[in-house]
Amino acid sequence: MAFGASLNGLAGPLHGLANQEVLVWLRKMQNSIGENASDEAVREYVWSTLKGGQVVPGYGHAVLRKTDPRYMAQREFALKHLPEDPLFKLVNQVYAIVPDVLLEVCIGYVLRIHHLNIGSRPEKLRIHGPMSMLTLVSSLPTTG
């Protein structure tokens, strides 16, 4: 009964819709770039999604600061029981690639907002993860 309740919790227009949108997006990607696609093909698809004015489903929750523990439990199960499944392989690629793409988007956005001229100081762009991004953002001059 608990399993049935958990599946019902994944249905509907709010939290369930988010799960459905992720699956729809992954299937569209898989149909577009094929199974066993390269990391570069996945990266290009992610960029095309963003440049098309859409969001990457599953990466927009403003409250979660860490990877969702529900995903981590599902990931652990899939790594053990479904490591060769084509859809899970694609999910693994997305898990590895999307955060860096979104970080690039964020850096570009911050630089445009603050009209930074980095000139001969490219070290300002050597960002290694979200904490470094926070450091960069907090060091920017405020506009006012």
N, C-alpha and C. Protein backbone atom coordinates (compact mmCIF):
# COMPACT_ATOMS: atom_id res chain seq x y z
N MET A 1 0.82 -1.18 0.00
CA MET A 1 0.00 0.00 0.00
C MET A 1 0.88 1.26 0.00
N ALA A 2 1.99 1.23 0.72
CA ALA A 2 2.87 2.40 0.77
C ALA A 2 3.44 2.69 -0.61
N PHE A 3 3.74 1.63 -1.38
CA PHE A 3 4.27 1.83 -2.72
C PHE A 3 3.23 2.50 -3.61
N GLY A 4 1.97 2.06 -3.50
CA GLY A 4 0.89 2.68 -4.27
C GLY A 4 0.71 4.13 -3.89
N ALA A 5 0.81 4.44 -2.61
CA ALA A 5 0.67 5.83 -2.15
C ALA A 5 1.81 6.68 -2.70
N SER A 6 3.01 6.11 -2.73
CA SER A 6 4.14 6.90 -3.24
C SER A 6 3.98 7.20 -4.72
N LEU A 7 3.47 6.25 -5.49
CA LEU A 7 3.24 6.49 -6.91
C LEU A 7 2.16 7.55 -7.11
N ASN A 8 1.12 7.51 -6.31
CA ASN A 8 0.07 8.53 -6.41
C ASN A 8 0.61 9.90 -6.03
N GLY A 9 1.60 9.95 -5.16
CA GLY A 9 2.21 11.23 -4.78
C GLY A 9 2.99 11.85 -5.93
N LEU A 10 3.31 11.06 -6.94
CA LEU A 10 4.03 11.57 -8.10
C LEU A 10 3.09 12.00 -9.22
N ALA A 11 1.81 11.97 -8.97
CA ALA A 11 0.84 12.37 -9.99
C ALA A 11 0.27 13.74 -9.64
N GLY A 12 -0.31 14.38 -10.61
CA GLY A 12 -0.99 15.64 -10.34
C GLY A 12 -0.26 16.85 -10.88
N PRO A 13 -0.89 18.01 -10.76
CA PRO A 13 -0.39 19.22 -11.42
C PRO A 13 0.78 19.92 -10.71
N LEU A 14 1.08 19.58 -9.48
CA LEU A 14 2.17 20.29 -8.79
C LEU A 14 3.43 19.45 -8.80
N HIS A 15 3.73 18.75 -7.73
CA HIS A 15 4.96 17.98 -7.67
C HIS A 15 4.99 16.88 -8.72
N GLY A 16 3.87 16.27 -8.97
CA GLY A 16 3.81 15.22 -9.98
C GLY A 16 4.11 15.74 -11.37
N LEU A 17 3.63 16.92 -11.66
CA LEU A 17 3.88 17.49 -12.98
C LEU A 17 5.37 17.72 -13.19
N ALA A 18 6.07 18.10 -12.16
CA ALA A 18 7.52 18.30 -12.29
C ALA A 18 8.20 17.01 -12.72
N ASN A 19 7.84 15.89 -12.09
CA ASN A 19 8.41 14.60 -12.47
C ASN A 19 8.06 14.24 -13.90
N GLN A 20 6.82 14.50 -14.27
CA GLN A 20 6.38 14.20 -15.63
C GLN A 20 7.14 15.05 -16.65
N GLU A 21 7.34 16.31 -16.34
CA GLU A 21 8.05 17.20 -17.27
C GLU A 21 9.50 16.77 -17.45
N VAL A 22 10.13 16.31 -16.38
CA VAL A 22 11.51 15.81 -16.50
C VAL A 22 11.54 14.62 -17.45
N LEU A 23 10.62 13.69 -17.27
CA LEU A 23 10.60 12.50 -18.11
C LEU A 23 10.30 12.86 -19.57
N VAL A 24 9.37 13.76 -19.80
CA VAL A 24 9.05 14.20 -21.16
C VAL A 24 10.29 14.83 -21.80
N TRP A 25 10.98 15.71 -21.07
CA TRP A 25 12.17 16.38 -21.58
C TRP A 25 13.27 15.37 -21.89
N LEU A 26 13.49 14.41 -20.99
CA LEU A 26 14.51 13.39 -21.22
C LEU A 26 14.20 12.55 -22.45
N ARG A 27 12.93 12.18 -22.61
CA ARG A 27 12.53 11.39 -23.79
C ARG A 27 12.70 12.19 -25.08
N LYS A 28 12.36 13.48 -25.05
CA LYS A 28 12.56 14.33 -26.23
C LYS A 28 14.06 14.40 -26.56
N MET A 29 14.88 14.56 -25.53
CA MET A 29 16.31 14.61 -25.75
C MET A 29 16.79 13.30 -26.36
N GLN A 30 16.35 12.20 -25.79
CA GLN A 30 16.77 10.89 -26.27
C GLN A 30 16.36 10.69 -27.74
N ASN A 31 15.16 11.13 -28.09
CA ASN A 31 14.70 11.02 -29.48
C ASN A 31 15.51 11.92 -30.40
N SER A 32 15.93 13.07 -29.89
CA SER A 32 16.66 14.04 -30.71
C SER A 32 18.12 13.66 -30.91
N ILE A 33 18.80 13.25 -29.84
CA ILE A 33 20.24 13.00 -29.96
C ILE A 33 20.59 11.51 -29.95
N GLY A 34 19.60 10.66 -29.71
CA GLY A 34 19.81 9.22 -29.74
C GLY A 34 20.31 8.66 -28.43
N GLU A 35 20.26 7.33 -28.35
CA GLU A 35 20.79 6.65 -27.17
C GLU A 35 22.31 6.66 -27.25
N ASN A 36 22.94 6.60 -26.11
CA ASN A 36 24.41 6.60 -26.02
C ASN A 36 25.03 7.84 -26.66
N ALA A 37 24.38 8.96 -26.47
CA ALA A 37 24.88 10.23 -27.02
C ALA A 37 26.12 10.68 -26.25
N SER A 38 26.93 11.47 -26.90
CA SER A 38 28.13 12.00 -26.26
C SER A 38 27.75 13.08 -25.25
N ASP A 39 28.66 13.36 -24.35
CA ASP A 39 28.45 14.44 -23.39
C ASP A 39 28.25 15.76 -24.12
N GLU A 40 28.97 15.96 -25.20
CA GLU A 40 28.85 17.21 -25.96
C GLU A 40 27.45 17.34 -26.57
N ALA A 41 26.88 16.23 -27.05
CA ALA A 41 25.53 16.27 -27.60
C ALA A 41 24.51 16.62 -26.51
N VAL A 42 24.71 16.07 -25.32
CA VAL A 42 23.82 16.39 -24.20
C VAL A 42 23.95 17.86 -23.84
N ARG A 43 25.19 18.34 -23.76
CA ARG A 43 25.44 19.75 -23.43
C ARG A 43 24.77 20.66 -24.46
N GLU A 44 24.90 20.34 -25.73
CA GLU A 44 24.28 21.15 -26.79
C GLU A 44 22.76 21.14 -26.67
N TYR A 45 22.18 19.99 -26.32
CA TYR A 45 20.73 19.92 -26.16
C TYR A 45 20.28 20.78 -24.98
N VAL A 46 21.03 20.73 -23.89
CA VAL A 46 20.70 21.56 -22.72
C VAL A 46 20.75 23.03 -23.11
N TRP A 47 21.81 23.43 -23.81
CA TRP A 47 21.92 24.82 -24.24
C TRP A 47 20.78 25.20 -25.18
N SER A 48 20.39 24.31 -26.07
CA SER A 48 19.28 24.63 -26.98
C SER A 48 17.98 24.80 -26.22
N THR A 49 17.81 24.04 -25.16
CA THR A 49 16.62 24.19 -24.31
C THR A 49 16.61 25.58 -23.69
N LEU A 50 17.74 25.98 -23.11
CA LEU A 50 17.82 27.28 -22.45
C LEU A 50 17.71 28.43 -23.45
N LYS A 51 18.38 28.31 -24.58
CA LYS A 51 18.33 29.37 -25.59
C LYS A 51 16.95 29.49 -26.22
N GLY A 52 16.16 28.42 -26.11
CA GLY A 52 14.79 28.43 -26.60
C GLY A 52 13.82 29.05 -25.61
N GLY A 53 14.36 29.60 -24.52
CA GLY A 53 13.52 30.26 -23.53
C GLY A 53 12.84 29.31 -22.56
N GLN A 54 13.28 28.07 -22.53
CA GLN A 54 12.71 27.08 -21.63
C GLN A 54 13.66 26.82 -20.47
N VAL A 55 13.15 26.19 -19.46
CA VAL A 55 13.98 25.80 -18.33
C VAL A 55 14.34 24.33 -18.47
N VAL A 56 15.36 23.91 -17.76
CA VAL A 56 15.71 22.50 -17.71
C VAL A 56 14.89 21.90 -16.58
N PRO A 57 13.93 21.04 -16.89
CA PRO A 57 13.08 20.49 -15.83
C PRO A 57 13.90 19.75 -14.77
N GLY A 58 13.54 19.99 -13.53
CA GLY A 58 14.22 19.33 -12.43
C GLY A 58 15.33 20.16 -11.81
N TYR A 59 15.63 21.32 -12.39
CA TYR A 59 16.71 22.16 -11.87
C TYR A 59 16.23 23.55 -11.51
N GLY A 60 15.01 23.67 -11.01
CA GLY A 60 14.52 25.01 -10.75
C GLY A 60 14.03 25.25 -9.35
N HIS A 61 14.20 24.30 -8.46
CA HIS A 61 13.64 24.45 -7.11
C HIS A 61 14.48 25.42 -6.31
N ALA A 62 13.86 26.49 -5.89
CA ALA A 62 14.59 27.57 -5.21
C ALA A 62 14.93 27.25 -3.76
N VAL A 63 14.31 26.24 -3.17
CA VAL A 63 14.51 25.97 -1.76
C VAL A 63 15.63 24.96 -1.53
N LEU A 64 15.72 23.94 -2.38
CA LEU A 64 16.72 22.90 -2.18
C LEU A 64 18.12 23.42 -2.48
N ARG A 65 19.02 23.28 -1.54
CA ARG A 65 20.40 23.72 -1.72
C ARG A 65 21.32 22.55 -2.00
N LYS A 66 20.82 21.35 -1.82
CA LYS A 66 21.56 20.13 -2.10
C LYS A 66 20.72 19.30 -3.06
N THR A 67 21.33 18.27 -3.61
CA THR A 67 20.59 17.36 -4.47
C THR A 67 19.46 16.74 -3.65
N ASP A 68 18.29 16.67 -4.25
CA ASP A 68 17.11 16.14 -3.59
C ASP A 68 17.40 14.72 -3.09
N PRO A 69 17.19 14.46 -1.80
CA PRO A 69 17.49 13.12 -1.26
C PRO A 69 16.65 12.02 -1.91
N ARG A 70 15.46 12.37 -2.40
CA ARG A 70 14.64 11.36 -3.09
C ARG A 70 15.35 10.91 -4.37
N TYR A 71 15.94 11.87 -5.07
CA TYR A 71 16.69 11.51 -6.27
C TYR A 71 17.90 10.66 -5.92
N MET A 72 18.59 11.02 -4.85
CA MET A 72 19.78 10.26 -4.47
C MET A 72 19.43 8.81 -4.14
N ALA A 73 18.29 8.59 -3.50
CA ALA A 73 17.86 7.21 -3.21
C ALA A 73 17.55 6.46 -4.50
N GLN A 74 16.87 7.13 -5.43
CA GLN A 74 16.57 6.50 -6.72
C GLN A 74 17.86 6.24 -7.49
N ARG A 75 18.79 7.17 -7.42
CA ARG A 75 20.06 7.03 -8.12
C ARG A 75 20.84 5.84 -7.59
N GLU A 76 20.90 5.71 -6.28
CA GLU A 76 21.61 4.58 -5.67
C GLU A 76 21.02 3.25 -6.14
N PHE A 77 19.68 3.19 -6.17
CA PHE A 77 19.00 1.97 -6.64
C PHE A 77 19.37 1.69 -8.10
N ALA A 78 19.29 2.72 -8.95
CA ALA A 78 19.56 2.54 -10.37
C ALA A 78 21.02 2.17 -10.63
N LEU A 79 21.95 2.76 -9.88
CA LEU A 79 23.35 2.40 -10.04
C LEU A 79 23.59 0.93 -9.74
N LYS A 80 22.85 0.42 -8.78
CA LYS A 80 23.01 -0.98 -8.39
C LYS A 80 22.29 -1.93 -9.34
N HIS A 81 21.07 -1.57 -9.77
CA HIS A 81 20.23 -2.51 -10.50
C HIS A 81 20.05 -2.19 -11.99
N LEU A 82 20.29 -0.95 -12.42
CA LEU A 82 20.03 -0.56 -13.80
C LEU A 82 21.18 0.24 -14.42
N PRO A 83 22.42 -0.09 -14.13
CA PRO A 83 23.50 0.77 -14.59
C PRO A 83 23.62 0.88 -16.11
N GLU A 84 23.12 -0.08 -16.84
CA GLU A 84 23.23 -0.06 -18.30
C GLU A 84 21.96 0.40 -19.00
N ASP A 85 20.94 0.77 -18.25
CA ASP A 85 19.69 1.24 -18.84
C ASP A 85 19.95 2.54 -19.61
N PRO A 86 19.55 2.63 -20.87
CA PRO A 86 19.83 3.83 -21.67
C PRO A 86 19.29 5.13 -21.07
N LEU A 87 18.08 5.08 -20.51
CA LEU A 87 17.53 6.29 -19.92
C LEU A 87 18.30 6.68 -18.67
N PHE A 88 18.69 5.70 -17.86
CA PHE A 88 19.47 6.03 -16.67
C PHE A 88 20.85 6.57 -17.05
N LYS A 89 21.44 6.04 -18.10
CA LYS A 89 22.73 6.58 -18.57
C LYS A 89 22.58 8.05 -18.95
N LEU A 90 21.47 8.38 -19.62
CA LEU A 90 21.21 9.77 -19.99
C LEU A 90 21.02 10.63 -18.74
N VAL A 91 20.29 10.12 -17.77
CA VAL A 91 20.10 10.85 -16.51
C VAL A 91 21.45 11.10 -15.85
N ASN A 92 22.34 10.12 -15.87
CA ASN A 92 23.69 10.30 -15.31
C ASN A 92 24.43 11.43 -16.01
N GLN A 93 24.32 11.47 -17.34
CA GLN A 93 24.98 12.54 -18.08
C GLN A 93 24.39 13.90 -17.71
N VAL A 94 23.08 13.97 -17.65
CA VAL A 94 22.41 15.22 -17.28
C VAL A 94 22.85 15.65 -15.89
N TYR A 95 22.90 14.72 -14.96
CA TYR A 95 23.30 14.99 -13.58
C TYR A 95 24.71 15.58 -13.53
N ALA A 96 25.59 15.12 -14.41
CA ALA A 96 26.96 15.59 -14.43
C ALA A 96 27.13 16.91 -15.20
N ILE A 97 26.31 17.14 -16.21
CA ILE A 97 26.52 18.24 -17.15
C ILE A 97 25.72 19.50 -16.81
N VAL A 98 24.46 19.34 -16.46
CA VAL A 98 23.57 20.50 -16.30
C VAL A 98 24.04 21.50 -15.25
N PRO A 99 24.52 21.09 -14.07
CA PRO A 99 24.95 22.11 -13.10
C PRO A 99 26.02 23.06 -13.65
N ASP A 100 26.97 22.53 -14.42
CA ASP A 100 28.00 23.39 -14.99
C ASP A 100 27.42 24.34 -16.04
N VAL A 101 26.48 23.85 -16.84
CA VAL A 101 25.85 24.72 -17.84
C VAL A 101 25.08 25.83 -17.13
N LEU A 102 24.33 25.49 -16.10
CA LEU A 102 23.57 26.51 -15.39
C LEU A 102 24.49 27.50 -14.69
N LEU A 103 25.64 27.04 -14.24
CA LEU A 103 26.62 27.93 -13.64
C LEU A 103 27.15 28.91 -14.69
N GLU A 104 27.40 28.42 -15.89
CA GLU A 104 27.83 29.29 -16.98
C GLU A 104 26.78 30.35 -17.27
N VAL A 105 25.52 29.94 -17.28
CA VAL A 105 24.42 30.88 -17.52
C VAL A 105 24.40 31.94 -16.43
N CYS A 106 24.55 31.50 -15.18
CA CYS A 106 24.52 32.42 -14.05
C CYS A 106 25.68 33.40 -14.11
N ILE A 107 26.87 32.91 -14.42
CA ILE A 107 28.04 33.79 -14.51
C ILE A 107 27.82 34.83 -15.59
N GLY A 108 27.33 34.40 -16.75
CA GLY A 108 27.07 35.33 -17.84
C GLY A 108 26.05 36.38 -17.45
N TYR A 109 25.03 35.96 -16.74
CA TYR A 109 23.98 36.88 -16.30
C TYR A 109 24.54 37.91 -15.32
N VAL A 110 25.33 37.43 -14.36
CA VAL A 110 25.91 38.33 -13.35
C VAL A 110 26.85 39.32 -14.03
N LEU A 111 27.67 38.84 -14.94
CA LEU A 111 28.61 39.73 -15.62
C LEU A 111 27.88 40.79 -16.44
N ARG A 112 26.79 40.41 -17.10
CA ARG A 112 26.03 41.39 -17.87
C ARG A 112 25.37 42.42 -16.96
N ILE A 113 24.82 41.96 -15.86
CA ILE A 113 24.13 42.88 -14.94
C ILE A 113 25.10 43.93 -14.41
N HIS A 114 26.26 43.51 -14.03
CA HIS A 114 27.22 44.42 -13.40
C HIS A 114 28.20 45.05 -14.38
N HIS A 115 28.05 44.74 -15.65
CA HIS A 115 28.90 45.33 -16.70
C HIS A 115 30.37 45.24 -16.32
N LEU A 116 30.78 44.04 -15.91
CA LEU A 116 32.18 43.87 -15.52
C LEU A 116 33.07 43.88 -16.74
N ASN A 117 34.17 44.54 -16.61
CA ASN A 117 35.20 44.51 -17.64
C ASN A 117 36.38 43.78 -17.03
N ILE A 118 36.49 42.48 -17.33
CA ILE A 118 37.56 41.71 -16.69
C ILE A 118 38.90 41.94 -17.37
N GLY A 119 38.90 42.44 -18.58
CA GLY A 119 40.15 42.77 -19.27
C GLY A 119 41.19 41.68 -19.16
N SER A 120 42.31 42.00 -18.57
CA SER A 120 43.40 41.04 -18.46
C SER A 120 43.33 40.26 -17.14
N ARG A 121 42.15 40.20 -16.55
CA ARG A 121 42.01 39.50 -15.27
C ARG A 121 41.07 38.30 -15.39
N PRO A 122 41.40 37.32 -16.26
CA PRO A 122 40.50 36.18 -16.45
C PRO A 122 40.37 35.31 -15.21
N GLU A 123 41.25 35.50 -14.22
CA GLU A 123 41.12 34.70 -13.00
C GLU A 123 39.77 34.92 -12.32
N LYS A 124 39.11 36.05 -12.60
CA LYS A 124 37.79 36.29 -12.02
C LYS A 124 36.77 35.29 -12.53
N LEU A 125 37.08 34.63 -13.66
CA LEU A 125 36.13 33.68 -14.23
C LEU A 125 36.46 32.24 -13.90
N ARG A 126 37.46 31.99 -13.12
CA ARG A 126 37.79 30.62 -12.75
C ARG A 126 36.92 30.21 -11.57
N ILE A 127 35.76 29.72 -11.90
CA ILE A 127 34.76 29.36 -10.90
C ILE A 127 34.73 27.83 -10.80
N HIS A 128 34.83 27.31 -9.62
CA HIS A 128 34.84 25.86 -9.42
C HIS A 128 33.71 25.47 -8.47
N GLY A 129 32.49 25.55 -8.95
CA GLY A 129 31.35 25.11 -8.17
C GLY A 129 30.54 26.25 -7.60
N PRO A 130 29.39 25.91 -7.02
CA PRO A 130 28.45 26.92 -6.52
C PRO A 130 29.02 27.84 -5.45
N MET A 131 29.86 27.32 -4.55
CA MET A 131 30.41 28.18 -3.50
C MET A 131 31.30 29.24 -4.11
N SER A 132 32.07 28.88 -5.14
CA SER A 132 32.90 29.87 -5.81
C SER A 132 32.03 30.91 -6.49
N MET A 133 30.89 30.48 -7.02
CA MET A 133 29.97 31.43 -7.65
C MET A 133 29.47 32.42 -6.62
N LEU A 134 29.15 31.93 -5.44
CA LEU A 134 28.69 32.83 -4.38
C LEU A 134 29.79 33.83 -4.02
N THR A 135 31.03 33.38 -4.00
CA THR A 135 32.15 34.27 -3.71
C THR A 135 32.26 35.34 -4.78
N LEU A 136 32.15 34.94 -6.05
CA LEU A 136 32.21 35.91 -7.13
C LEU A 136 31.10 36.93 -7.02
N VAL A 137 29.89 36.46 -6.81
CA VAL A 137 28.74 37.36 -6.74
C VAL A 137 28.88 38.32 -5.57
N SER A 138 29.32 37.82 -4.42
CA SER A 138 29.43 38.69 -3.25
C SER A 138 30.55 39.71 -3.38
N SER A 139 31.50 39.46 -4.29
CA SER A 139 32.60 40.41 -4.46
C SER A 139 32.30 41.46 -5.52
N LEU A 140 31.18 41.34 -6.19
CA LEU A 140 30.85 42.30 -7.24
C LEU A 140 30.46 43.64 -6.66
N PRO A 141 30.78 44.71 -7.36
CA PRO A 141 30.33 46.02 -6.90
C PRO A 141 28.82 46.13 -6.98
N THR A 142 28.23 46.78 -6.03
CA THR A 142 26.79 46.96 -6.07
C THR A 142 26.44 48.12 -6.97
N THR A 143 25.26 48.01 -7.57
CA THR A 143 24.81 49.12 -8.41
C THR A 143 23.76 49.88 -7.63
N GLY A 144 23.65 51.11 -7.85
CA GLY A 144 22.66 51.80 -7.05
C GLY A 144 22.39 53.17 -7.44
